[in-house]
């Protein structure tokens, strides 16, 4: 699996077999917490779609997922995540079903219904 940092606000996940690697389009880019957030969403979406596609006997070799984000203020945070499923071999009549399947990703559900975050300082 390979995660590519496409820009300061976009990643692509390619699910080819092999060890996980994180690569950047340029040497100046660093893997930020926002890239990590997007990577988690992309990985979950990819896993759900790969499982669904395999079960439906669809080829998944060309499946990849891109996630981009936009910031909002008051307070400063990620206000929007855009998920693009790149799947050239997916038949057009299966696209709506793929969108529904992608929506089953647990990370997506978690972001749609955020958990309570408890921070403690322990000595």
PDB file of N, CA and C in Angstrom:
ATOM      1  N   UNK A   1       0.856  -1.169   0.000  1.00  0.00           N
ATOM      2  CA  UNK A   1       0.000   0.000   0.000  1.00  0.00           C
ATOM      3  C   UNK A   1       0.902   1.233   0.000  1.00  0.00           C
ATOM      4  N   UNK A   2       0.540   2.204  -0.832  1.00  0.00           N
ATOM      5  CA  UNK A   2       1.355   3.416  -0.924  1.00  0.00           C
ATOM      6  C   UNK A   2       0.476   4.642  -0.743  1.00  0.00           C
ATOM      7  N   UNK A   3       0.920   5.538   0.140  1.00  0.00           N
ATOM      8  CA  UNK A   3       0.279   6.834   0.331  1.00  0.00           C
ATOM      9  C   UNK A   3       1.196   7.872  -0.300  1.00  0.00           C
ATOM     10  N   UNK A   4       0.637   8.670  -1.189  1.00  0.00           N
ATOM     11  CA  UNK A   4       1.410   9.726  -1.835  1.00  0.00           C
ATOM     12  C   UNK A   4       0.859  11.073  -1.397  1.00  0.00           C
ATOM     13  N   UNK A   5       1.739  11.934  -0.895  1.00  0.00           N
ATOM     14  CA  UNK A   5       1.355  13.301  -0.546  1.00  0.00           C
ATOM     15  C   UNK A   5       1.334  14.088  -1.850  1.00  0.00           C
ATOM     16  N   UNK A   6       0.152  14.428  -2.323  1.00  0.00           N
ATOM     17  CA  UNK A   6       0.023  15.140  -3.588  1.00  0.00           C
ATOM     18  C   UNK A   6       0.228  16.638  -3.424  1.00  0.00           C
ATOM     19  N   UNK A   7      -0.148  17.153  -2.253  1.00  0.00           N
ATOM     20  CA  UNK A   7       0.004  18.579  -1.959  1.00  0.00           C
ATOM     21  C   UNK A   7      -0.100  18.745  -0.453  1.00  0.00           C
ATOM     22  N   UNK A   8      -0.141  19.977   0.000  1.00  0.00           N
ATOM     23  CA  UNK A   8      -0.285  20.239   1.433  1.00  0.00           C
ATOM     24  C   UNK A   8      -1.677  19.888   1.942  1.00  0.00           C
ATOM     25  N   UNK A   9      -2.623  19.637   1.003  1.00  0.00           N
ATOM     26  CA  UNK A   9      -3.992  19.340   1.425  1.00  0.00           C
ATOM     27  C   UNK A   9      -4.646  18.213   0.619  1.00  0.00           C
ATOM     28  N   UNK A  10      -3.823  17.258   0.171  1.00  0.00           N
ATOM     29  CA  UNK A  10      -4.379  16.133  -0.601  1.00  0.00           C
ATOM     30  C   UNK A  10      -3.411  14.956  -0.605  1.00  0.00           C
ATOM     31  N   UNK A  11      -3.983  13.739  -0.458  1.00  0.00           N
ATOM     32  CA  UNK A  11      -3.194  12.505  -0.534  1.00  0.00           C
ATOM     33  C   UNK A  11      -3.880  11.533  -1.497  1.00  0.00           C
ATOM     34  N   UNK A  12      -3.103  10.559  -1.955  1.00  0.00           N
ATOM     35  CA  UNK A  12      -3.661   9.454  -2.739  1.00  0.00           C
ATOM     36  C   UNK A  12      -3.190   8.153  -2.120  1.00  0.00           C
ATOM     37  N   UNK A  13      -4.085   7.191  -2.008  1.00  0.00           N
ATOM     38  CA  UNK A  13      -3.749   5.866  -1.511  1.00  0.00           C
ATOM     39  C   UNK A  13      -3.915   4.866  -2.648  1.00  0.00           C
ATOM     40  N   UNK A  14      -2.832   4.165  -2.947  1.00  0.00           N
ATOM     41  CA  UNK A  14      -2.857   3.070  -3.912  1.00  0.00           C
ATOM     42  C   UNK A  14      -2.711   1.785  -3.121  1.00  0.00           C
ATOM     43  N   UNK A  15      -3.590   0.842  -3.353  1.00  0.00           N
ATOM     44  CA  UNK A  15      -3.632  -0.355  -2.527  1.00  0.00           C
ATOM     45  C   UNK A  15      -2.865  -1.536  -3.052  1.00  0.00           C
ATOM     46  N   UNK A  16      -1.861  -1.296  -3.851  1.00  0.00           N
ATOM     47  CA  UNK A  16      -1.085  -2.412  -4.379  1.00  0.00           C
ATOM     48  C   UNK A  16      -0.436  -3.193  -3.247  1.00  0.00           C
ATOM     49  N   UNK A  17      -0.299  -4.507  -3.427  1.00  0.00           N
ATOM     50  CA  UNK A  17       0.318  -5.320  -2.366  1.00  0.00           C
ATOM     51  C   UNK A  17       1.737  -4.859  -2.051  1.00  0.00           C
ATOM     52  N   UNK A  18       2.139  -5.078  -0.827  1.00  0.00           N
ATOM     53  CA  UNK A  18       3.484  -4.717  -0.398  1.00  0.00           C
ATOM     54  C   UNK A  18       3.442  -3.927   0.882  1.00  0.00           C
ATOM     55  N   UNK A  19       4.614  -3.597   1.398  1.00  0.00           N
ATOM     56  CA  UNK A  19       4.665  -2.840   2.651  1.00  0.00           C
ATOM     57  C   UNK A  19       4.126  -1.423   2.451  1.00  0.00           C
ATOM     58  N   UNK A  20       3.628  -0.859   3.542  1.00  0.00           N
ATOM     59  CA  UNK A  20       3.133   0.514   3.512  1.00  0.00           C
ATOM     60  C   UNK A  20       4.292   1.469   3.286  1.00  0.00           C
ATOM     61  N   UNK A  21       4.111   2.385   2.348  1.00  0.00           N
ATOM     62  CA  UNK A  21       5.103   3.437   2.151  1.00  0.00           C
ATOM     63  C   UNK A  21       4.375   4.771   2.058  1.00  0.00           C
ATOM     64  N   UNK A  22       5.061   5.808   2.489  1.00  0.00           N
ATOM     65  CA  UNK A  22       4.547   7.173   2.382  1.00  0.00           C
ATOM     66  C   UNK A  22       5.562   7.944   1.561  1.00  0.00           C
ATOM     67  N   UNK A  23       5.108   8.483   0.445  1.00  0.00           N
ATOM     68  CA  UNK A  23       5.984   9.211  -0.461  1.00  0.00           C
ATOM     69  C   UNK A  23       5.398  10.591  -0.713  1.00  0.00           C
ATOM     70  N   UNK A  24       6.244  11.498  -1.157  1.00  0.00           N
ATOM     71  CA  UNK A  24       5.805  12.868  -1.417  1.00  0.00           C
ATOM     72  C   UNK A  24       6.163  13.261  -2.840  1.00  0.00           C
ATOM     73  N   UNK A  25       5.392  14.170  -3.377  1.00  0.00           N
ATOM     74  CA  UNK A  25       5.655  14.691  -4.712  1.00  0.00           C
ATOM     75  C   UNK A  25       6.929  15.540  -4.732  1.00  0.00           C
ATOM     76  N   UNK A  26       7.302  16.090  -3.568  1.00  0.00           N
ATOM     77  CA  UNK A  26       8.535  16.879  -3.487  1.00  0.00           C
ATOM     78  C   UNK A  26       9.217  16.611  -2.149  1.00  0.00           C
ATOM     79  N   UNK A  27      10.509  16.829  -2.108  1.00  0.00           N
ATOM     80  CA  UNK A  27      11.296  16.571  -0.897  1.00  0.00           C
ATOM     81  C   UNK A  27      10.947  17.539   0.228  1.00  0.00           C
ATOM     82  N   UNK A  28      10.335  18.671  -0.084  1.00  0.00           N
ATOM     83  CA  UNK A  28       9.997  19.668   0.931  1.00  0.00           C
ATOM     84  C   UNK A  28       8.746  19.299   1.728  1.00  0.00           C
ATOM     85  N   UNK A  29       7.947  18.387   1.228  1.00  0.00           N
ATOM     86  CA  UNK A  29       6.697  18.028   1.910  1.00  0.00           C
ATOM     87  C   UNK A  29       6.961  17.140   3.107  1.00  0.00           C
ATOM     88  N   UNK A  30       6.189  17.375   4.158  1.00  0.00           N
ATOM     89  CA  UNK A  30       6.253  16.533   5.351  1.00  0.00           C
ATOM     90  C   UNK A  30       4.881  15.931   5.604  1.00  0.00           C
ATOM     91  N   UNK A  31       4.878  14.749   6.192  1.00  0.00           N
ATOM     92  CA  UNK A  31       3.645  14.020   6.505  1.00  0.00           C
ATOM     93  C   UNK A  31       3.036  14.638   7.756  1.00  0.00           C
ATOM     94  N   UNK A  32       2.039  15.490   7.560  1.00  0.00           N
ATOM     95  CA  UNK A  32       1.441  16.255   8.658  1.00  0.00           C
ATOM     96  C   UNK A  32       0.313  15.469   9.326  1.00  0.00           C
ATOM     97  N   UNK A  33      -0.150  15.935  10.484  1.00  0.00           N
ATOM     98  CA  UNK A  33      -1.320  15.308  11.111  1.00  0.00           C
ATOM     99  C   UNK A  33      -2.545  15.307  10.185  1.00  0.00           C
ATOM    100  N   UNK A  34      -2.648  16.293   9.313  1.00  0.00           N
ATOM    101  CA  UNK A  34      -3.787  16.359   8.400  1.00  0.00           C
ATOM    102  C   UNK A  34      -3.660  15.310   7.298  1.00  0.00           C
ATOM    103  N   UNK A  35      -2.425  15.071   6.841  1.00  0.00           N
ATOM    104  CA  UNK A  35      -2.194  13.966   5.911  1.00  0.00           C
ATOM    105  C   UNK A  35      -2.556  12.640   6.582  1.00  0.00           C
ATOM    106  N   UNK A  36      -2.226  12.520   7.879  1.00  0.00           N
ATOM    107  CA  UNK A  36      -2.543  11.286   8.612  1.00  0.00           C
ATOM    108  C   UNK A  36      -4.051  11.092   8.728  1.00  0.00           C
ATOM    109  N   UNK A  37      -4.772  12.156   9.025  1.00  0.00           N
ATOM    110  CA  UNK A  37      -6.232  12.089   9.105  1.00  0.00           C
ATOM    111  C   UNK A  37      -6.806  11.615   7.771  1.00  0.00           C
ATOM    112  N   UNK A  38      -6.357  12.230   6.687  1.00  0.00           N
ATOM    113  CA  UNK A  38      -6.834  11.854   5.354  1.00  0.00           C
ATOM    114  C   UNK A  38      -6.423  10.427   5.005  1.00  0.00           C
ATOM    115  N   UNK A  39      -5.234  10.019   5.434  1.00  0.00           N
ATOM    116  CA  UNK A  39      -4.767   8.654   5.161  1.00  0.00           C
ATOM    117  C   UNK A  39      -5.639   7.619   5.852  1.00  0.00           C
ATOM    118  N   UNK A  40      -6.060   7.906   7.080  1.00  0.00           N
ATOM    119  CA  UNK A  40      -6.955   6.995   7.785  1.00  0.00           C
ATOM    120  C   UNK A  40      -8.282   6.840   7.057  1.00  0.00           C
ATOM    121  N   UNK A  41      -8.831   7.952   6.602  1.00  0.00           N
ATOM    122  CA  UNK A  41     -10.091   7.918   5.864  1.00  0.00           C
ATOM    123  C   UNK A  41      -9.915   7.178   4.538  1.00  0.00           C
ATOM    124  N   UNK A  42      -8.823   7.451   3.843  1.00  0.00           N
ATOM    125  CA  UNK A  42      -8.565   6.785   2.560  1.00  0.00           C
ATOM    126  C   UNK A  42      -8.370   5.287   2.740  1.00  0.00           C
ATOM    127  N   UNK A  43      -7.626   4.894   3.774  1.00  0.00           N
ATOM    128  CA  UNK A  43      -7.370   3.473   4.020  1.00  0.00           C
ATOM    129  C   UNK A  43      -8.661   2.733   4.337  1.00  0.00           C
ATOM    130  N   UNK A  44      -9.490   3.309   5.169  1.00  0.00           N
ATOM    131  CA  UNK A  44     -10.773   2.697   5.520  1.00  0.00           C
ATOM    132  C   UNK A  44     -11.668   2.586   4.286  1.00  0.00           C
ATOM    133  N   UNK A  45     -11.763   3.659   3.522  1.00  0.00           N
ATOM    134  CA  UNK A  45     -12.592   3.659   2.317  1.00  0.00           C
ATOM    135  C   UNK A  45     -12.094   2.618   1.328  1.00  0.00           C
ATOM    136  N   UNK A  46     -10.780   2.572   1.145  1.00  0.00           N
ATOM    137  CA  UNK A  46     -10.196   1.588   0.237  1.00  0.00           C
ATOM    138  C   UNK A  46     -10.523   0.168   0.689  1.00  0.00           C
ATOM    139  N   UNK A  47     -10.350  -0.112   1.976  1.00  0.00           N
ATOM    140  CA  UNK A  47     -10.587  -1.462   2.495  1.00  0.00           C
ATOM    141  C   UNK A  47     -12.034  -1.893   2.278  1.00  0.00           C
ATOM    142  N   UNK A  48     -12.971  -0.991   2.554  1.00  0.00           N
ATOM    143  CA  UNK A  48     -14.389  -1.312   2.369  1.00  0.00           C
ATOM    144  C   UNK A  48     -14.681  -1.571   0.892  1.00  0.00           C
ATOM    145  N   UNK A  49     -14.165  -0.710   0.015  1.00  0.00           N
ATOM    146  CA  UNK A  49     -14.434  -0.870  -1.414  1.00  0.00           C
ATOM    147  C   UNK A  49     -13.747  -2.099  -1.993  1.00  0.00           C
ATOM    148  N   UNK A  50     -12.529  -2.383  -1.557  1.00  0.00           N
ATOM    149  CA  UNK A  50     -11.830  -3.572  -2.047  1.00  0.00           C
ATOM    150  C   UNK A  50     -12.580  -4.836  -1.633  1.00  0.00           C
ATOM    151  N   UNK A  51     -13.069  -4.866  -0.410  1.00  0.00           N
ATOM    152  CA  UNK A  51     -13.843  -6.014   0.061  1.00  0.00           C
ATOM    153  C   UNK A  51     -15.148  -6.145  -0.723  1.00  0.00           C
ATOM    154  N   UNK A  52     -15.863  -5.041  -0.881  1.00  0.00           N
ATOM    155  CA  UNK A  52     -17.118  -5.043  -1.631  1.00  0.00           C
ATOM    156  C   UNK A  52     -16.877  -5.472  -3.075  1.00  0.00           C
ATOM    157  N   UNK A  53     -15.843  -4.895  -3.705  1.00  0.00           N
ATOM    158  CA  UNK A  53     -15.544  -5.225  -5.096  1.00  0.00           C
ATOM    159  C   UNK A  53     -15.167  -6.685  -5.278  1.00  0.00           C
ATOM    160  N   UNK A  54     -14.358  -7.210  -4.377  1.00  0.00           N
ATOM    161  CA  UNK A  54     -13.960  -8.615  -4.454  1.00  0.00           C
ATOM    162  C   UNK A  54     -15.179  -9.518  -4.304  1.00  0.00           C
ATOM    163  N   UNK A  55     -16.033  -9.197  -3.343  1.00  0.00           N
ATOM    164  CA  UNK A  55     -17.256  -9.979  -3.132  1.00  0.00           C
ATOM    165  C   UNK A  55     -18.164  -9.928  -4.371  1.00  0.00           C
ATOM    166  N   UNK A  56     -18.194  -8.779  -5.035  1.00  0.00           N
ATOM    167  CA  UNK A  56     -19.020  -8.602  -6.234  1.00  0.00           C
ATOM    168  C   UNK A  56     -18.315  -9.100  -7.494  1.00  0.00           C
ATOM    169  N   UNK A  57     -17.134  -9.699  -7.319  1.00  0.00           N
ATOM    170  CA  UNK A  57     -16.337 -10.230  -8.426  1.00  0.00           C
ATOM    171  C   UNK A  57     -15.955  -9.141  -9.435  1.00  0.00           C
ATOM    172  N   UNK A  58     -15.607  -7.971  -8.894  1.00  0.00           N
ATOM    173  CA  UNK A  58     -15.133  -6.853  -9.705  1.00  0.00           C
ATOM    174  C   UNK A  58     -13.624  -6.740  -9.540  1.00  0.00           C
ATOM    175  N   UNK A  59     -12.898  -6.376 -10.594  1.00  0.00           N
ATOM    176  CA  UNK A  59     -11.451  -6.187 -10.442  1.00  0.00           C
ATOM    177  C   UNK A  59     -11.169  -4.962  -9.566  1.00  0.00           C
ATOM    178  N   UNK A  60     -10.244  -5.104  -8.638  1.00  0.00           N
ATOM    179  CA  UNK A  60      -9.895  -3.993  -7.745  1.00  0.00           C
ATOM    180  C   UNK A  60      -8.438  -3.561  -7.913  1.00  0.00           C
ATOM    181  N   UNK A  61      -7.747  -4.129  -8.902  1.00  0.00           N
ATOM    182  CA  UNK A  61      -6.325  -3.826  -9.095  1.00  0.00           C
ATOM    183  C   UNK A  61      -6.066  -2.356  -9.388  1.00  0.00           C
ATOM    184  N   UNK A  62      -7.030  -1.676  -9.996  1.00  0.00           N
ATOM    185  CA  UNK A  62      -6.832  -0.271 -10.368  1.00  0.00           C
ATOM    186  C   UNK A  62      -7.560   0.693  -9.434  1.00  0.00           C
ATOM    187  N   UNK A  63      -7.985   0.205  -8.270  1.00  0.00           N
ATOM    188  CA  UNK A  63      -8.683   1.041  -7.289  1.00  0.00           C
ATOM    189  C   UNK A  63      -7.685   1.880  -6.501  1.00  0.00           C
ATOM    190  N   UNK A  64      -7.942   3.164  -6.412  1.00  0.00           N
ATOM    191  CA  UNK A  64      -7.184   4.045  -5.520  1.00  0.00           C
ATOM    192  C   UNK A  64      -8.151   5.098  -4.980  1.00  0.00           C
ATOM    193  N   UNK A  65      -7.736   5.749  -3.905  1.00  0.00           N
ATOM    194  CA  UNK A  65      -8.594   6.726  -3.236  1.00  0.00           C
ATOM    195  C   UNK A  65      -7.781   7.981  -2.973  1.00  0.00           C
ATOM    196  N   UNK A  66      -8.330   9.121  -3.343  1.00  0.00           N
ATOM    197  CA  UNK A  66      -7.717  10.411  -3.015  1.00  0.00           C
ATOM    198  C   UNK A  66      -8.598  11.120  -1.997  1.00  0.00           C
ATOM    199  N   UNK A  67      -7.959  11.764  -1.033  1.00  0.00           N
ATOM    200  CA  UNK A  67      -8.682  12.552  -0.032  1.00  0.00           C
ATOM    201  C   UNK A  67      -8.026  13.925   0.050  1.00  0.00           C
ATOM    202  N   UNK A  68      -8.845  14.953  -0.053  1.00  0.00           N
ATOM    203  CA  UNK A  68      -8.391  16.325   0.124  1.00  0.00           C
ATOM    204  C   UNK A  68      -9.178  16.967   1.251  1.00  0.00           C
ATOM    205  N   UNK A  69      -8.672  18.067   1.768  1.00  0.00           N
ATOM    206  CA  UNK A  69      -9.358  18.732   2.875  1.00  0.00           C
ATOM    207  C   UNK A  69      -9.254  20.237   2.733  1.00  0.00           C
ATOM    208  N   UNK A  70     -10.218  20.899   3.393  1.00  0.00           N
ATOM    209  CA  UNK A  70     -10.253  22.362   3.437  1.00  0.00           C
ATOM    210  C   UNK A  70     -10.418  22.767   4.888  1.00  0.00           C
ATOM    211  N   UNK A  71      -9.782  23.856   5.234  1.00  0.00           N
ATOM    212  CA  UNK A  71      -9.864  24.375   6.594  1.00  0.00           C
ATOM    213  C   UNK A  71     -10.997  25.385   6.710  1.00  0.00           C
ATOM    214  N   UNK A  72     -11.532  25.482   7.913  1.00  0.00           N
ATOM    215  CA  UNK A  72     -12.493  26.523   8.275  1.00  0.00           C
ATOM    216  C   UNK A  72     -11.993  27.153   9.568  1.00  0.00           C
ATOM    217  N   UNK A  73     -12.580  28.279   9.925  1.00  0.00           N
ATOM    218  CA  UNK A  73     -12.141  29.012  11.116  1.00  0.00           C
ATOM    219  C   UNK A  73     -13.209  28.990  12.206  1.00  0.00           C
ATOM    220  N   UNK A  74     -12.810  29.498  13.358  1.00  0.00           N
ATOM    221  CA  UNK A  74     -13.665  29.708  14.538  1.00  0.00           C
ATOM    222  C   UNK A  74     -14.245  28.417  15.098  1.00  0.00           C
ATOM    223  N   UNK A  75     -13.413  27.510  15.557  1.00  0.00           N
ATOM    224  CA  UNK A  75     -11.953  27.511  15.591  1.00  0.00           C
ATOM    225  C   UNK A  75     -11.356  26.932  14.303  1.00  0.00           C
ATOM    226  N   UNK A  76     -10.055  27.169  14.112  1.00  0.00           N
ATOM    227  CA  UNK A  76      -9.334  26.642  12.957  1.00  0.00           C
ATOM    228  C   UNK A  76      -9.343  25.117  13.028  1.00  0.00           C
ATOM    229  N   UNK A  77      -9.843  24.486  11.959  1.00  0.00           N
ATOM    230  CA  UNK A  77      -9.947  23.024  11.927  1.00  0.00           C
ATOM    231  C   UNK A  77     -10.214  22.581  10.492  1.00  0.00           C
ATOM    232  N   UNK A  78     -10.169  21.278  10.266  1.00  0.00           N
ATOM    233  CA  UNK A  78     -10.590  20.731   8.982  1.00  0.00           C
ATOM    234  C   UNK A  78     -12.112  20.805   8.947  1.00  0.00           C
ATOM    235  N   UNK A  79     -12.642  21.497   7.957  1.00  0.00           N
ATOM    236  CA  UNK A  79     -14.083  21.668   7.856  1.00  0.00           C
ATOM    237  C   UNK A  79     -14.719  20.838   6.762  1.00  0.00           C
ATOM    238  N   UNK A  80     -13.885  20.302   5.866  1.00  0.00           N
ATOM    239  CA  UNK A  80     -14.421  19.497   4.771  1.00  0.00           C
ATOM    240  C   UNK A  80     -13.370  18.509   4.316  1.00  0.00           C
ATOM    241  N   UNK A  81     -13.795  17.280   4.102  1.00  0.00           N
ATOM    242  CA  UNK A  81     -12.953  16.230   3.530  1.00  0.00           C
ATOM    243  C   UNK A  81     -13.632  15.751   2.252  1.00  0.00           C
ATOM    244  N   UNK A  82     -12.893  15.750   1.153  1.00  0.00           N
ATOM    245  CA  UNK A  82     -13.420  15.287  -0.129  1.00  0.00           C
ATOM    246  C   UNK A  82     -12.767  13.956  -0.466  1.00  0.00           C
ATOM    247  N   UNK A  83     -13.569  12.935  -0.712  1.00  0.00           N
ATOM    248  CA  UNK A  83     -13.070  11.604  -1.047  1.00  0.00           C
ATOM    249  C   UNK A  83     -13.375  11.335  -2.519  1.00  0.00           C
ATOM    250  N   UNK A  84     -12.328  11.099  -3.301  1.00  0.00           N
ATOM    251  CA  UNK A  84     -12.487  10.740  -4.710  1.00  0.00           C
ATOM    252  C   UNK A  84     -12.044   9.299  -4.889  1.00  0.00           C
ATOM    253  N   UNK A  85     -12.949   8.465  -5.367  1.00  0.00           N
ATOM    254  CA  UNK A  85     -12.644   7.067  -5.653  1.00  0.00           C
ATOM    255  C   UNK A  85     -12.231   6.993  -7.120  1.00  0.00           C
ATOM    256  N   UNK A  86     -11.009   6.561  -7.356  1.00  0.00           N
ATOM    257  CA  UNK A  86     -10.486   6.405  -8.712  1.00  0.00           C
ATOM    258  C   UNK A  86     -10.497   4.911  -9.025  1.00  0.00           C
ATOM    259  N   UNK A  87     -11.376   4.503  -9.914  1.00  0.00           N
ATOM    260  CA  UNK A  87     -11.567   3.080 -10.191  1.00  0.00           C
ATOM    261  C   UNK A  87     -11.956   2.934 -11.662  1.00  0.00           C
ATOM    262  N   UNK A  88     -10.985   3.055 -12.562  1.00  0.00           N
ATOM    263  CA  UNK A  88     -11.284   3.050 -13.998  1.00  0.00           C
ATOM    264  C   UNK A  88     -12.052   1.825 -14.490  1.00  0.00           C
ATOM    265  N   UNK A  89     -11.806   0.654 -13.915  1.00  0.00           N
ATOM    266  CA  UNK A  89     -12.466  -0.560 -14.408  1.00  0.00           C
ATOM    267  C   UNK A  89     -13.864  -0.769 -13.826  1.00  0.00           C
ATOM    268  N   UNK A  90     -14.291   0.075 -12.896  1.00  0.00           N
ATOM    269  CA  UNK A  90     -15.623  -0.081 -12.305  1.00  0.00           C
ATOM    270  C   UNK A  90     -16.681   0.242 -13.359  1.00  0.00           C
ATOM    271  N   UNK A  91     -17.591  -0.696 -13.624  1.00  0.00           N
ATOM    272  CA  UNK A  91     -18.646  -0.414 -14.602  1.00  0.00           C
ATOM    273  C   UNK A  91     -19.501   0.774 -14.143  1.00  0.00           C
ATOM    274  N   UNK A  92     -19.874   1.647 -15.068  1.00  0.00           N
ATOM    275  CA  UNK A  92     -20.660   2.831 -14.702  1.00  0.00           C
ATOM    276  C   UNK A  92     -21.924   2.501 -13.913  1.00  0.00           C
ATOM    277  N   UNK A  93     -22.554   1.386 -14.222  1.00  0.00           N
ATOM    278  CA  UNK A  93     -23.793   1.030 -13.520  1.00  0.00           C
ATOM    279  C   UNK A  93     -23.552   0.592 -12.080  1.00  0.00           C
ATOM    280  N   UNK A  94     -22.286   0.424 -11.677  1.00  0.00           N
ATOM    281  CA  UNK A  94     -21.968   0.034 -10.297  1.00  0.00           C
ATOM    282  C   UNK A  94     -21.493   1.216  -9.451  1.00  0.00           C
ATOM    283  N   UNK A  95     -21.393   2.399 -10.046  1.00  0.00           N
ATOM    284  CA  UNK A  95     -20.852   3.564  -9.322  1.00  0.00           C
ATOM    285  C   UNK A  95     -21.697   3.969  -8.123  1.00  0.00           C
ATOM    286  N   UNK A  96     -23.003   4.005  -8.261  1.00  0.00           N
ATOM    287  CA  UNK A  96     -23.868   4.399  -7.135  1.00  0.00           C
ATOM    288  C   UNK A  96     -23.724   3.407  -5.988  1.00  0.00           C
ATOM    289  N   UNK A  97     -23.629   2.123  -6.312  1.00  0.00           N
ATOM    290  CA  UNK A  97     -23.445   1.109  -5.268  1.00  0.00           C
ATOM    291  C   UNK A  97     -22.088   1.280  -4.590  1.00  0.00           C
ATOM    292  N   UNK A  98     -21.067   1.658  -5.360  1.00  0.00           N
ATOM    293  CA  UNK A  98     -19.738   1.881  -4.779  1.00  0.00           C
ATOM    294  C   UNK A  98     -19.763   3.070  -3.820  1.00  0.00           C
ATOM    295  N   UNK A  99     -20.491   4.111  -4.168  1.00  0.00           N
ATOM    296  CA  UNK A  99     -20.618   5.268  -3.269  1.00  0.00           C
ATOM    297  C   UNK A  99     -21.295   4.845  -1.971  1.00  0.00           C
ATOM    298  N   UNK A 100     -22.344   4.036  -2.078  1.00  0.00           N
ATOM    299  CA  UNK A 100     -23.026   3.544  -0.866  1.00  0.00           C
ATOM    300  C   UNK A 100     -22.083   2.680  -0.032  1.00  0.00           C
ATOM    301  N   UNK A 101     -21.331   1.811  -0.685  1.00  0.00           N
ATOM    302  CA  UNK A 101     -20.386   0.953   0.038  1.00  0.00           C
ATOM    303  C   UNK A 101     -19.323   1.798   0.730  1.00  0.00           C
ATOM    304  N   UNK A 102     -18.800   2.803   0.043  1.00  0.00           N
ATOM    305  CA  UNK A 102     -17.773   3.669   0.640  1.00  0.00           C
ATOM    306  C   UNK A 102     -18.298   4.350   1.896  1.00  0.00           C
ATOM    307  N   UNK A 103     -19.585   4.655   1.918  1.00  0.00           N
ATOM    308  CA  UNK A 103     -20.194   5.298   3.080  1.00  0.00           C
ATOM    309  C   UNK A 103     -20.245   4.420   4.314  1.00  0.00           C
ATOM    310  N   UNK A 104     -19.958   3.131   4.163  1.00  0.00           N
ATOM    311  CA  UNK A 104     -19.957   2.211   5.300  1.00  0.00           C
ATOM    312  C   UNK A 104     -18.644   2.222   6.073  1.00  0.00           C
ATOM    313  N   UNK A 105     -17.662   2.933   5.584  1.00  0.00           N
ATOM    314  CA  UNK A 105     -16.361   3.027   6.262  1.00  0.00           C
ATOM    315  C   UNK A 105     -16.555   3.544   7.691  1.00  0.00           C
ATOM    316  N   UNK A 106     -15.982   2.848   8.652  1.00  0.00           N
ATOM    317  CA  UNK A 106     -16.128   3.227  10.061  1.00  0.00           C
ATOM    318  C   UNK A 106     -15.498   4.584  10.355  1.00  0.00           C
ATOM    319  N   UNK A 107     -14.420   4.919   9.674  1.00  0.00           N
ATOM    320  CA  UNK A 107     -13.805   6.236   9.883  1.00  0.00           C
ATOM    321  C   UNK A 107     -14.759   7.326   9.388  1.00  0.00           C
ATOM    322  N   UNK A 108     -15.406   7.097   8.264  1.00  0.00           N
ATOM    323  CA  UNK A 108     -16.404   8.052   7.772  1.00  0.00           C
ATOM    324  C   UNK A 108     -17.507   8.244   8.805  1.00  0.00           C
ATOM    325  N   UNK A 109     -18.031   7.145   9.311  1.00  0.00           N
ATOM    326  CA  UNK A 109     -19.099   7.220  10.316  1.00  0.00           C
ATOM    327  C   UNK A 109     -18.620   7.946  11.574  1.00  0.00           C
ATOM    328  N   UNK A 110     -17.376   7.711  11.972  1.00  0.00           N
ATOM    329  CA  UNK A 110     -16.819   8.377  13.155  1.00  0.00           C
ATOM    330  C   UNK A 110     -16.723   9.882  12.935  1.00  0.00           C
ATOM    331  N   UNK A 111     -16.295  10.290  11.740  1.00  0.00           N
ATOM    332  CA  UNK A 111     -16.193  11.720  11.450  1.00  0.00           C
ATOM    333  C   UNK A 111     -17.572  12.365  11.326  1.00  0.00           C
ATOM    334  N   UNK A 112     -18.548  11.608  10.847  1.00  0.00           N
ATOM    335  CA  UNK A 112     -19.912  12.137  10.742  1.00  0.00           C
ATOM    336  C   UNK A 112     -20.575  12.280  12.110  1.00  0.00           C
ATOM    337  N   UNK A 113     -20.194  11.420  13.045  1.00  0.00           N
ATOM    338  CA  UNK A 113     -20.738  11.455  14.409  1.00  0.00           C
ATOM    339  C   UNK A 113     -19.550  11.428  15.363  1.00  0.00           C
ATOM    340  N   UNK A 114     -18.861  12.562  15.534  1.00  0.00           N
ATOM    341  CA  UNK A 114     -17.575  12.562  16.245  1.00  0.00           C
ATOM    342  C   UNK A 114     -17.672  12.079  17.688  1.00  0.00           C
ATOM    343  N   UNK A 115     -16.628  11.373  18.115  1.00  0.00           N
ATOM    344  CA  UNK A 115     -16.587  10.899  19.497  1.00  0.00           C
ATOM    345  C   UNK A 115     -16.231  12.032  20.452  1.00  0.00           C
ATOM    346  N   UNK A 116     -16.511  11.809  21.705  1.00  0.00           N
ATOM    347  CA  UNK A 116     -16.035  12.732  22.736  1.00  0.00           C
ATOM    348  C   UNK A 116     -14.544  12.465  22.909  1.00  0.00           C
ATOM    349  N   UNK A 117     -13.756  13.504  23.017  1.00  0.00           N
ATOM    350  CA  UNK A 117     -12.317  13.366  23.224  1.00  0.00           C
ATOM    351  C   UNK A 117     -12.007  13.771  24.651  1.00  0.00           C
ATOM    352  N   UNK A 118     -11.363  12.877  25.376  1.00  0.00           N
ATOM    353  CA  UNK A 118     -11.009  13.119  26.773  1.00  0.00           C
ATOM    354  C   UNK A 118      -9.490  13.204  26.856  1.00  0.00           C
ATOM    355  N   UNK A 119      -8.978  14.339  27.305  1.00  0.00           N
ATOM    356  CA  UNK A 119      -7.537  14.539  27.461  1.00  0.00           C
ATOM    357  C   UNK A 119      -7.220  14.603  28.942  1.00  0.00           C
ATOM    358  N   UNK A 120      -6.259  13.812  29.366  1.00  0.00           N
ATOM    359  CA  UNK A 120      -5.807  13.827  30.753  1.00  0.00           C
ATOM    360  C   UNK A 120      -4.293  13.962  30.771  1.00  0.00           C
ATOM    361  N   UNK A 121      -3.788  14.657  31.747  1.00  0.00           N
ATOM    362  CA  UNK A 121      -2.347  14.726  31.979  1.00  0.00           C
ATOM    363  C   UNK A 121      -2.060  13.833  33.167  1.00  0.00           C
ATOM    364  N   UNK A 122      -1.184  12.863  32.967  1.00  0.00           N
ATOM    365  CA  UNK A 122      -0.865  11.917  34.042  1.00  0.00           C
ATOM    366  C   UNK A 122       0.614  12.007  34.364  1.00  0.00           C
ATOM    367  N   UNK A 123       0.902  11.992  35.666  1.00  0.00           N
ATOM    368  CA  UNK A 123       2.292  12.082  36.102  1.00  0.00           C
ATOM    369  C   UNK A 123       2.879  10.707  36.260  1.00  0.00           C
TER     370      UNK A 123
END
